[in-house]
Amino acid sequence: MERTGRTDPERAAAERGEEPGGAPAEGPGALGAPGDGKRAARGLGSFSYTAADEEKLRGVRRMKATATGLLVLVAVVFALATWAKNSGAGGWAGYVAAAAEAGMVGALADWFAVTALFRRPLGLPIPHTAIIANKKDQLGASLGAFVGENFLSADVVRGRLRALGIGRRLGTWLAEPAHADRVTAELSTALRGALTVLRDSDVQAVVGEAITRRADAVEIAPGIGKTLDKVVADGAHHRAVDLICVRAHDWLVEHGDSVMDAVQGGAPGWTPRFVDRRIGDRVYKELLRFITEMRDMPSHPARGAIDRFLRDFASDLQSDTDTRARVERLKSELLARPEVQDIIASAWSSVRAMIMSAAEDDRSELRLRARASLLSLGARLATDERLQGKLDGWIEEAAAYVVATYRGEITSLISDTVAGWDAADTSKKIEAHIGRDLQFIRINGTVVGALAGLLIYTVSHALGG
């Protein structure tokens, strides 16, 4: 046994040209050294040879020793039986020698076959040996093609998904309140994460541009005209007129002195002051009388004039070219004002804060509605076969499209990954996992060979005798 002070995993690392910690060892085989470009190119596709693999490889070595010991045993038996036969020990020696001879042949043949999978027997350059190391890339390509043909076909995927009954299973699962709560919580977390990742400035710019572009693309005058025409026809504007009249009357009553001062201040300087006061008082009283009558008389002529004006304006908004053009210019000027753009941009901040708050609150209307919708969907999916079939059909078609469109990329993941593995490490890792079972082939070959040799020797003697 080697006594270098290293553990088995350390020896395994040293055999791969690495230090025990996984770093490349110094010397010709180290990473970056001349002639080791292949190891550097492996990158993430290389195998990681672990201590567990080394433990399995020790089991392989024990089985190798057992199989080799059996080969040595039959060789010794063959030698002794041959010596006994030549010494005249009797006919039994020939049977034993024939069985031992065939057992040696079977053991050697199977040793060669098993060894040829991983390395060259005795280091000799025999053709078609070290198969895994030399044919690794071809094996990876064949495995990828096999997976693509037998697992990634549209019919196979459809059949498998149809057998699963995803729609019914999903409905049954979602119909459970605990599961609906879990999905709601996960969706809330995902929503908060998405809102956190998004930059407010980017979203505000997109929202502002979308609203402005949409507003510029749509002419608003005809729509406003139709709405105003309907409002006037229904008399819905009367309450607004009533409110204006009441407010105007109350304001005049409260600010009568201000109105009279304004009238007197606008009078010529050569008129006497008492005349200015008389005129101001008269104007104020007439104005107050007019507003009071307009407030108290639904049939006041001024109200009719307002109705006619609104009807004419509604008609002009729909049919008059100049009026419509002025409204569009006013709209463009209004949208271009910085204050309006700031309001549009700030709308996202308000919406974002509202959504974040609702997503974090377990009892918010958003989460309660989402939970109720999930429960309702689950109940329908669990019982409605038509809905189940529709959902299953969507899933099947989507999966079939993916495998049909991207089958080459999926299978290339297998072939490219295998191509990136180091040949020596690949052989060692595969041998560590299946080598122990392969040694049973050598043992069975020895036993079966011995039995076959004994049978052949017996039949030949029986026929010859």
Protein backbone atom coordinates (compact mmCIF):
# COMPACT_ATOMS: atom_id res chain seq x y z
CA MET A 1 0.00 0.00 0.00
CA GLU A 2 1.23 3.46 -0.87
CA ARG A 3 2.29 5.43 2.21
CA THR A 4 2.73 9.03 1.17
CA GLY A 5 0.68 10.61 3.95
CA ARG A 6 -2.17 11.40 1.53
CA THR A 7 -5.78 10.26 1.88
CA ASP A 8 -7.53 8.45 -0.94
CA PRO A 9 -9.30 11.58 -2.23
CA GLU A 10 -5.96 13.36 -2.22
CA ARG A 11 -4.39 10.55 -4.25
CA ALA A 12 -7.29 10.75 -6.70
CA ALA A 13 -6.76 14.50 -7.04
CA ALA A 14 -3.04 13.97 -7.56
CA GLU A 15 -3.76 11.45 -10.32
CA ARG A 16 -5.84 14.12 -12.10
CA GLY A 17 -3.06 16.65 -11.86
CA GLU A 18 -4.72 18.62 -9.05
CA GLU A 19 -3.80 19.52 -5.53
CA PRO A 20 -6.04 18.05 -2.80
CA GLY A 21 -8.07 21.25 -2.58
CA GLY A 22 -9.09 20.98 -6.23
CA ALA A 23 -6.53 23.46 -7.58
CA PRO A 24 -4.31 22.34 -10.47
CA ALA A 25 -0.97 20.95 -9.42
CA GLU A 26 2.30 22.45 -10.50
CA GLY A 27 4.06 20.72 -13.35
CA PRO A 28 3.48 19.73 -16.97
CA GLY A 29 -0.09 18.63 -16.31
CA ALA A 30 -1.12 21.79 -14.44
CA LEU A 31 -3.79 24.10 -15.80
CA GLY A 32 -2.24 26.67 -18.06
CA ALA A 33 0.84 24.59 -18.65
CA PRO A 34 1.88 23.75 -22.22
CA GLY A 35 -0.13 20.97 -23.80
CA ASP A 36 -3.07 21.23 -21.41
CA GLY A 37 -5.40 23.43 -23.47
CA LYS A 38 -8.03 20.67 -23.50
CA ARG A 39 -8.36 20.70 -19.72
CA ALA A 40 -8.64 24.48 -19.69
CA ALA A 41 -11.29 24.37 -22.41
CA ARG A 42 -13.50 21.99 -20.50
CA GLY A 43 -14.88 24.75 -18.27
CA LEU A 44 -18.18 23.99 -16.65
CA GLY A 45 -18.70 20.86 -18.72
CA SER A 46 -16.07 18.77 -16.89
CA PHE A 47 -16.81 16.03 -14.38
CA SER A 48 -16.19 16.68 -10.72
CA TYR A 49 -14.37 13.63 -9.39
CA THR A 50 -15.39 13.42 -5.75
CA ALA A 51 -14.44 11.49 -2.64
CA ALA A 52 -17.60 9.42 -3.12
CA ASP A 53 -16.34 8.39 -6.54
CA GLU A 54 -13.02 7.38 -5.02
CA GLU A 55 -14.85 5.25 -2.44
CA LYS A 56 -16.73 3.48 -5.22
CA LEU A 57 -13.49 2.98 -7.10
CA ARG A 58 -12.04 1.24 -4.06
CA GLY A 59 -14.97 -1.19 -4.24
CA VAL A 60 -14.16 -1.75 -7.90
CA ARG A 61 -10.57 -2.54 -6.98
CA ARG A 62 -11.72 -5.11 -4.44
CA MET A 63 -13.90 -6.79 -7.04
CA LYS A 64 -11.00 -6.72 -9.50
CA ALA A 65 -8.85 -8.46 -6.92
CA THR A 66 -11.56 -11.09 -6.43
CA ALA A 67 -11.92 -11.72 -10.17
CA THR A 68 -8.14 -11.82 -10.64
CA GLY A 69 -7.78 -14.14 -7.65
CA LEU A 70 -10.28 -16.50 -9.25
CA LEU A 71 -8.26 -16.41 -12.48
CA VAL A 72 -5.10 -17.23 -10.54
CA LEU A 73 -6.95 -20.04 -8.76
CA VAL A 74 -8.10 -21.71 -11.96
CA ALA A 75 -4.59 -21.28 -13.39
CA VAL A 76 -3.11 -23.08 -10.39
CA VAL A 77 -5.80 -25.77 -10.67
CA PHE A 78 -5.01 -26.14 -14.37
CA ALA A 79 -1.30 -26.51 -13.64
CA LEU A 80 -1.82 -29.06 -10.90
CA ALA A 81 -4.44 -31.01 -12.90
CA THR A 82 -2.18 -31.12 -15.96
CA TRP A 83 0.74 -32.35 -13.81
CA ALA A 84 -1.52 -34.97 -12.25
CA LYS A 85 -2.79 -36.07 -15.65
CA ASN A 86 0.74 -36.41 -17.02
CA SER A 87 1.73 -38.29 -13.86
CA GLY A 88 -0.96 -40.91 -14.47
CA ALA A 89 -3.22 -39.83 -11.61
CA GLY A 90 -6.30 -41.03 -13.47
CA GLY A 91 -9.06 -39.81 -15.82
CA TRP A 92 -10.46 -37.29 -13.37
CA ALA A 93 -7.37 -35.09 -13.88
CA GLY A 94 -8.27 -34.55 -17.53
CA TYR A 95 -11.74 -33.35 -16.63
CA VAL A 96 -10.38 -30.92 -14.04
CA ALA A 97 -7.69 -29.66 -16.41
CA ALA A 98 -10.22 -29.09 -19.21
CA ALA A 99 -12.55 -27.19 -16.88
CA ALA A 100 -9.71 -25.07 -15.48
CA GLU A 101 -8.33 -24.37 -18.96
CA ALA A 102 -11.72 -23.18 -20.25
CA GLY A 103 -12.20 -21.15 -17.08
CA MET A 104 -8.87 -19.37 -17.73
CA VAL A 105 -9.87 -18.66 -21.32
CA GLY A 106 -13.25 -17.25 -20.24
CA ALA A 107 -11.66 -15.16 -17.50
CA LEU A 108 -9.00 -13.71 -19.82
CA ALA A 109 -11.53 -12.98 -22.56
CA ASP A 110 -13.86 -11.16 -20.19
CA TRP A 111 -10.94 -9.32 -18.55
CA PHE A 112 -9.93 -8.09 -21.98
CA ALA A 113 -13.50 -7.04 -22.83
CA VAL A 114 -14.07 -5.18 -19.56
CA THR A 115 -10.65 -3.52 -19.59
CA ALA A 116 -11.04 -2.46 -23.23
CA LEU A 117 -14.02 -0.33 -22.25
CA PHE A 118 -11.91 2.02 -20.14
CA ARG A 119 -8.26 1.67 -21.20
CA ARG A 120 -5.82 -0.21 -23.41
CA PRO A 121 -5.16 -3.71 -22.01
CA LEU A 122 -1.54 -3.92 -20.82
CA GLY A 123 -1.04 -0.52 -22.46
CA LEU A 124 -0.88 -2.12 -25.91
CA PRO A 125 -2.24 -0.09 -28.87
CA ILE A 126 -4.84 -2.69 -29.75
CA PRO A 127 -7.59 -1.42 -32.09
CA HIS A 128 -11.06 -0.83 -30.62
CA THR A 129 -9.86 -0.57 -27.04
CA ALA A 130 -10.18 2.31 -24.53
CA ILE A 131 -13.63 2.70 -26.07
CA ILE A 132 -15.08 5.24 -23.63
CA ALA A 133 -12.02 7.49 -23.78
CA ASN A 134 -11.71 7.34 -27.58
CA LYS A 135 -15.40 7.29 -28.49
CA LYS A 136 -16.66 9.69 -25.80
CA ASP A 137 -17.82 12.35 -28.25
CA GLN A 138 -19.51 9.81 -30.54
CA LEU A 139 -21.23 8.23 -27.51
CA GLY A 140 -22.47 11.66 -26.42
CA ALA A 141 -23.82 12.39 -29.91
CA SER A 142 -25.48 8.97 -30.07
CA LEU A 143 -27.03 9.47 -26.63
CA GLY A 144 -28.35 12.89 -27.66
CA ALA A 145 -29.81 11.46 -30.88
CA PHE A 146 -31.38 8.59 -28.93
CA VAL A 147 -33.00 10.98 -26.45
CA GLY A 148 -34.22 13.22 -29.27
CA GLU A 149 -35.77 10.39 -31.27
CA ASN A 150 -37.33 8.44 -28.40
CA PHE A 151 -38.14 11.06 -25.75
CA LEU A 152 -38.41 14.43 -27.50
CA SER A 153 -40.86 13.61 -30.26
CA ALA A 154 -44.11 15.55 -30.39
CA ASP A 155 -46.24 12.37 -30.25
CA VAL A 156 -44.40 11.00 -27.21
CA VAL A 157 -44.69 14.30 -25.34
CA ARG A 158 -48.38 14.66 -26.19
CA GLY A 159 -49.15 11.11 -25.13
CA ARG A 160 -47.30 11.44 -21.85
CA LEU A 161 -48.91 14.77 -20.98
CA ARG A 162 -52.34 13.46 -21.93
CA ALA A 163 -51.90 10.48 -19.63
CA LEU A 164 -50.95 12.77 -16.74
CA GLY A 165 -54.24 14.70 -16.82
CA ILE A 166 -52.57 17.95 -15.81
CA GLY A 167 -55.77 20.02 -15.94
CA ARG A 168 -57.66 17.79 -13.50
CA ARG A 169 -54.68 17.44 -11.17
CA LEU A 170 -54.03 21.18 -11.20
CA GLY A 171 -57.70 21.91 -10.49
CA THR A 172 -57.81 19.48 -7.57
CA TRP A 173 -54.63 20.97 -6.17
CA LEU A 174 -55.76 24.58 -6.56
CA ALA A 175 -59.16 23.87 -5.02
CA GLU A 176 -57.45 23.36 -1.66
CA PRO A 177 -57.48 26.67 0.29
CA ALA A 178 -53.96 26.08 1.63
CA HIS A 179 -52.64 25.63 -1.90
CA ALA A 180 -54.48 28.72 -3.15
CA ASP A 181 -52.96 30.70 -0.27
CA ARG A 182 -49.51 29.43 -1.21
CA VAL A 183 -49.91 30.35 -4.88
CA THR A 184 -51.28 33.78 -3.93
CA ALA A 185 -48.29 34.39 -1.65
CA GLU A 186 -45.86 33.27 -4.36
CA LEU A 187 -47.53 35.49 -6.95
CA SER A 188 -47.38 38.43 -4.53
CA THR A 189 -43.68 37.82 -3.95
CA ALA A 190 -43.05 37.61 -7.69
CA LEU A 191 -45.05 40.80 -8.27
CA ARG A 192 -43.12 42.68 -5.59
CA GLY A 193 -39.86 41.41 -7.03
CA ALA A 194 -40.81 42.53 -10.53
CA LEU A 195 -41.84 45.98 -9.31
CA THR A 196 -38.59 46.27 -7.33
CA VAL A 197 -36.47 45.38 -10.35
CA LEU A 198 -38.24 47.84 -12.65
CA ARG A 199 -36.72 51.31 -12.67
CA ASP A 200 -39.30 54.02 -12.07
CA SER A 201 -37.71 56.37 -14.59
CA ASP A 202 -37.93 53.76 -17.37
CA VAL A 203 -41.54 52.85 -16.62
CA GLN A 204 -42.54 56.50 -16.29
CA ALA A 205 -40.97 57.26 -19.65
CA VAL A 206 -42.78 54.34 -21.29
CA VAL A 207 -46.12 55.22 -19.68
CA GLY A 208 -45.77 58.89 -20.58
CA GLU A 209 -44.84 58.10 -24.16
CA ALA A 210 -47.69 55.60 -24.51
CA ILE A 211 -50.31 58.01 -23.16
CA THR A 212 -49.02 60.92 -25.24
CA ARG A 213 -48.80 58.84 -28.41
CA ARG A 214 -52.27 57.43 -27.87
CA ALA A 215 -53.72 60.89 -27.22
CA ASP A 216 -52.02 62.32 -30.31
CA ALA A 217 -53.30 59.48 -32.48
CA VAL A 218 -56.96 59.93 -31.50
CA GLU A 219 -59.01 63.00 -32.37
CA ILE A 220 -60.94 63.95 -29.26
CA ALA A 221 -63.24 66.72 -30.57
CA PRO A 222 -65.95 64.45 -32.07
CA GLY A 223 -66.09 62.33 -28.94
CA ILE A 224 -66.36 65.39 -26.73
CA GLY A 225 -69.08 66.78 -29.03
CA LYS A 226 -71.15 63.58 -28.85
CA THR A 227 -70.83 63.46 -25.08
CA LEU A 228 -71.75 67.13 -24.70
CA ASP A 229 -74.72 66.73 -27.05
CA LYS A 230 -76.04 63.83 -24.94
CA VAL A 231 -75.47 65.80 -21.71
CA VAL A 232 -77.47 68.76 -23.03
CA ALA A 233 -80.23 66.53 -24.41
CA ASP A 234 -80.61 64.81 -21.03
CA GLY A 235 -80.45 68.12 -19.15
CA ALA A 236 -77.59 66.80 -17.04
CA HIS A 237 -75.88 70.20 -17.21
CA HIS A 238 -78.70 71.95 -15.35
CA ARG A 239 -77.27 71.00 -11.98
CA ALA A 240 -73.95 72.55 -12.92
CA VAL A 241 -75.74 75.76 -14.02
CA ASP A 242 -77.75 75.77 -10.77
CA LEU A 243 -74.59 75.39 -8.73
CA ILE A 244 -72.85 78.20 -10.60
CA CYS A 245 -75.82 80.53 -10.10
CA VAL A 246 -76.00 79.78 -6.38
CA ARG A 247 -72.27 80.31 -5.91
CA ALA A 248 -72.35 83.52 -7.97
CA HIS A 249 -75.31 84.91 -5.95
CA ASP A 250 -73.64 84.10 -2.65
CA TRP A 251 -70.40 85.67 -3.80
CA LEU A 252 -72.14 88.86 -4.92
CA VAL A 253 -73.98 89.14 -1.60
CA GLU A 254 -70.76 88.70 0.33
CA HIS A 255 -68.59 90.94 -1.87
CA GLY A 256 -71.01 93.73 -2.85
CA ASP A 257 -68.62 96.46 -1.75
CA SER A 258 -65.86 95.01 -3.90
CA VAL A 259 -68.10 95.01 -6.98
CA MET A 260 -69.16 98.67 -6.43
CA ASP A 261 -65.55 99.71 -5.82
CA ALA A 262 -64.53 98.01 -9.05
CA VAL A 263 -67.23 99.87 -11.01
CA GLN A 264 -66.33 103.22 -9.42
CA GLY A 265 -62.66 102.64 -10.05
CA GLY A 266 -63.32 102.20 -13.78
CA ALA A 267 -65.30 105.44 -14.10
CA PRO A 268 -63.76 108.52 -15.84
CA GLY A 269 -61.93 110.93 -13.58
CA TRP A 270 -64.07 113.93 -14.52
CA THR A 271 -67.36 112.41 -13.23
CA PRO A 272 -68.49 113.35 -9.71
CA ARG A 273 -68.01 110.78 -7.02
CA PHE A 274 -71.71 110.63 -6.06
CA VAL A 275 -72.50 109.80 -9.69
CA ASP A 276 -69.92 107.00 -9.65
CA ARG A 277 -71.45 105.64 -6.46
CA ARG A 278 -74.94 105.76 -7.91
CA ILE A 279 -73.79 103.95 -11.07
CA GLY A 280 -71.85 101.36 -9.06
CA ASP A 281 -74.83 100.71 -6.82
CA ARG A 282 -77.12 100.40 -9.83
CA VAL A 283 -74.81 97.99 -11.64
CA TYR A 284 -74.44 95.84 -8.54
CA LYS A 285 -78.20 95.66 -7.94
CA GLU A 286 -78.93 94.79 -11.59
CA LEU A 287 -76.25 92.13 -11.58
CA LEU A 288 -77.58 90.68 -8.33
CA ARG A 289 -81.14 90.77 -9.68
CA PHE A 290 -80.08 89.02 -12.89
CA ILE A 291 -78.22 86.24 -11.02
CA THR A 292 -81.11 85.83 -8.56
CA GLU A 293 -83.69 85.50 -11.34
CA MET A 294 -81.45 83.09 -13.23
CA ARG A 295 -81.06 81.05 -10.06
CA ASP A 296 -84.76 80.96 -9.26
CA MET A 297 -86.28 80.67 -12.77
CA PRO A 298 -85.61 77.39 -14.63
CA SER A 299 -87.09 79.00 -17.75
CA HIS A 300 -84.89 82.10 -17.60
CA PRO A 301 -83.79 83.30 -21.08
CA ALA A 302 -80.13 83.16 -20.04
CA ARG A 303 -80.49 79.47 -19.24
CA GLY A 304 -81.99 78.92 -22.70
CA ALA A 305 -79.07 80.83 -24.21
CA ILE A 306 -76.66 78.54 -22.37
CA ASP A 307 -78.50 75.49 -23.71
CA ARG A 308 -78.35 76.82 -27.28
CA PHE A 309 -74.68 77.66 -26.93
CA LEU A 310 -73.84 74.20 -25.65
CA ARG A 311 -75.85 72.51 -28.42
CA ASP A 312 -74.17 74.64 -31.09
CA PHE A 313 -70.75 73.99 -29.58
CA ALA A 314 -71.43 70.23 -29.46
CA SER A 315 -72.42 70.35 -33.14
CA ASP A 316 -69.30 72.36 -34.07
CA LEU A 317 -67.09 69.87 -32.22
CA GLN A 318 -68.47 67.10 -34.41
CA SER A 319 -68.75 68.80 -37.79
CA ASP A 320 -66.92 72.14 -37.92
CA THR A 321 -63.38 71.74 -39.25
CA ASP A 322 -62.00 74.91 -37.65
CA THR A 323 -63.40 74.07 -34.22
CA ARG A 324 -62.02 70.55 -34.34
CA ALA A 325 -58.60 71.85 -35.41
CA ARG A 326 -58.55 74.36 -32.53
CA VAL A 327 -59.41 71.60 -30.05
CA GLU A 328 -56.59 69.42 -31.41
CA ARG A 329 -54.11 72.28 -31.11
CA LEU A 330 -55.26 72.92 -27.57
CA LYS A 331 -54.88 69.21 -26.78
CA SER A 332 -51.33 69.12 -28.17
CA GLU A 333 -50.34 72.25 -26.29
CA LEU A 334 -51.83 70.88 -23.09
CA LEU A 335 -50.03 67.52 -23.42
CA ALA A 336 -46.74 69.26 -24.15
CA ARG A 337 -46.82 71.30 -20.94
CA PRO A 338 -44.28 70.10 -18.35
CA GLU A 339 -46.90 70.08 -15.63
CA VAL A 340 -49.08 67.60 -17.55
CA GLN A 341 -46.09 65.36 -18.34
CA ASP A 342 -45.14 65.38 -14.67
CA ILE A 343 -48.68 64.31 -13.72
CA ILE A 344 -48.60 61.47 -16.28
CA ALA A 345 -45.18 60.32 -15.06
CA SER A 346 -46.17 60.50 -11.40
CA ALA A 347 -49.17 58.26 -12.09
CA TRP A 348 -46.83 55.24 -12.22
CA SER A 349 -45.42 56.03 -8.80
CA SER A 350 -48.91 56.10 -7.33
CA VAL A 351 -49.92 52.88 -9.06
CA ARG A 352 -46.68 51.15 -8.02
CA ALA A 353 -47.08 52.16 -4.38
CA MET A 354 -50.69 50.99 -4.41
CA ILE A 355 -49.80 47.60 -5.92
CA MET A 356 -46.84 47.09 -3.55
CA SER A 357 -49.00 47.87 -0.55
CA ALA A 358 -51.75 45.53 -1.73
CA ALA A 359 -49.26 42.74 -2.49
CA GLU A 360 -47.73 42.94 0.99
CA ASP A 361 -51.06 42.98 2.85
CA ASP A 362 -52.51 39.49 3.37
CA ARG A 363 -56.02 40.94 3.71
CA SER A 364 -55.84 43.41 0.83
CA GLU A 365 -58.58 43.38 -1.78
CA LEU A 366 -56.03 42.44 -4.46
CA ARG A 367 -54.85 39.31 -2.66
CA LEU A 368 -58.33 38.31 -1.55
CA ARG A 369 -59.63 38.58 -5.09
CA ALA A 370 -56.62 36.67 -6.44
CA ARG A 371 -57.18 33.90 -3.88
CA ALA A 372 -60.88 33.72 -4.67
CA SER A 373 -60.12 33.55 -8.39
CA LEU A 374 -57.63 30.71 -7.87
CA LEU A 375 -60.12 28.74 -5.76
CA SER A 376 -62.83 29.26 -8.35
CA LEU A 377 -60.49 28.22 -11.15
CA GLY A 378 -59.42 25.13 -9.21
CA ALA A 379 -63.02 24.09 -8.55
CA ARG A 380 -63.91 24.47 -12.22
CA LEU A 381 -60.83 22.61 -13.42
CA ALA A 382 -61.49 19.76 -11.01
CA THR A 383 -65.03 19.17 -12.33
CA ASP A 384 -65.34 20.68 -15.79
CA GLU A 385 -64.05 18.14 -18.31
CA ARG A 386 -64.36 20.59 -21.20
CA LEU A 387 -62.13 23.10 -19.42
CA GLN A 388 -59.71 20.33 -18.47
CA GLY A 389 -59.48 19.26 -22.10
CA LYS A 390 -58.90 22.83 -23.24
CA LEU A 391 -56.08 23.38 -20.73
CA ASP A 392 -54.52 19.99 -21.49
CA GLY A 393 -54.66 20.80 -25.19
CA TRP A 394 -52.87 24.10 -24.67
CA ILE A 395 -50.17 22.46 -22.60
CA GLU A 396 -49.72 19.61 -25.08
CA GLU A 397 -49.47 21.96 -28.05
CA ALA A 398 -47.02 24.23 -26.25
CA ALA A 399 -44.82 21.30 -25.19
CA ALA A 400 -44.99 19.74 -28.67
CA TYR A 401 -44.00 23.05 -30.24
CA VAL A 402 -41.05 23.42 -27.88
CA VAL A 403 -39.68 19.91 -28.49
CA ALA A 404 -40.28 20.13 -32.24
CA THR A 405 -38.68 23.55 -32.57
CA TYR A 406 -35.84 23.25 -30.07
CA ARG A 407 -35.12 19.51 -30.10
CA GLY A 408 -31.74 20.12 -31.71
CA GLU A 409 -30.76 22.63 -29.03
CA ILE A 410 -31.96 20.31 -26.24
CA THR A 411 -30.09 17.26 -27.53
CA SER A 412 -27.01 19.33 -28.25
CA LEU A 413 -26.90 20.05 -24.51
CA ILE A 414 -26.17 16.35 -24.00
CA SER A 415 -23.64 15.96 -26.81
CA ASP A 416 -21.87 19.26 -26.09
CA THR A 417 -21.69 18.50 -22.37
CA VAL A 418 -20.22 15.06 -22.99
CA ALA A 419 -17.79 16.55 -25.52
CA GLY A 420 -16.59 18.97 -22.84
CA TRP A 421 -15.70 16.20 -20.40
CA ASP A 422 -12.12 15.08 -20.04
CA ALA A 423 -11.71 11.58 -21.51
CA ALA A 424 -9.61 10.21 -18.65
CA ASP A 425 -11.88 11.59 -15.94
CA THR A 426 -14.95 10.33 -17.80
CA SER A 427 -13.54 6.81 -17.97
CA LYS A 428 -12.59 6.83 -14.29
CA LYS A 429 -15.98 8.16 -13.16
CA ILE A 430 -17.96 5.70 -15.26
CA GLU A 431 -15.74 2.85 -14.10
CA ALA A 432 -16.28 3.92 -10.49
CA HIS A 433 -20.05 3.68 -10.94
CA ILE A 434 -20.41 0.50 -13.04
CA GLY A 435 -17.01 -1.18 -12.74
CA ARG A 436 -18.00 -3.30 -9.74
CA ASP A 437 -20.84 -4.91 -11.69
CA LEU A 438 -18.55 -5.40 -14.68
CA GLN A 439 -16.17 -7.44 -12.54
CA PHE A 440 -18.97 -9.93 -12.01
CA ILE A 441 -18.79 -10.50 -15.76
CA ARG A 442 -15.20 -11.68 -15.29
CA ILE A 443 -16.23 -13.95 -12.39
CA ASN A 444 -19.18 -15.32 -14.32
CA GLY A 445 -16.99 -15.78 -17.38
CA THR A 446 -14.56 -17.85 -15.33
CA VAL A 447 -17.30 -20.04 -13.89
CA VAL A 448 -19.28 -20.40 -17.13
CA GLY A 449 -16.09 -21.02 -19.08
CA ALA A 450 -15.06 -23.79 -16.69
CA LEU A 451 -18.48 -25.42 -16.89
CA ALA A 452 -18.52 -25.12 -20.68
CA GLY A 453 -15.02 -26.61 -20.92
CA LEU A 454 -16.01 -29.47 -18.66
CA LEU A 455 -19.14 -30.11 -20.74
CA ILE A 456 -17.23 -30.01 -24.03
CA TYR A 457 -14.51 -32.32 -22.68
CA THR A 458 -17.13 -34.71 -21.34
CA VAL A 459 -19.12 -34.81 -24.60
CA SER A 460 -15.98 -35.24 -26.70
CA HIS A 461 -14.82 -38.16 -24.54
CA ALA A 462 -18.28 -39.70 -24.54
CA LEU A 463 -18.47 -39.52 -28.34
CA GLY A 464 -14.88 -40.67 -28.74
CA GLY A 465 -15.35 -43.50 -26.25
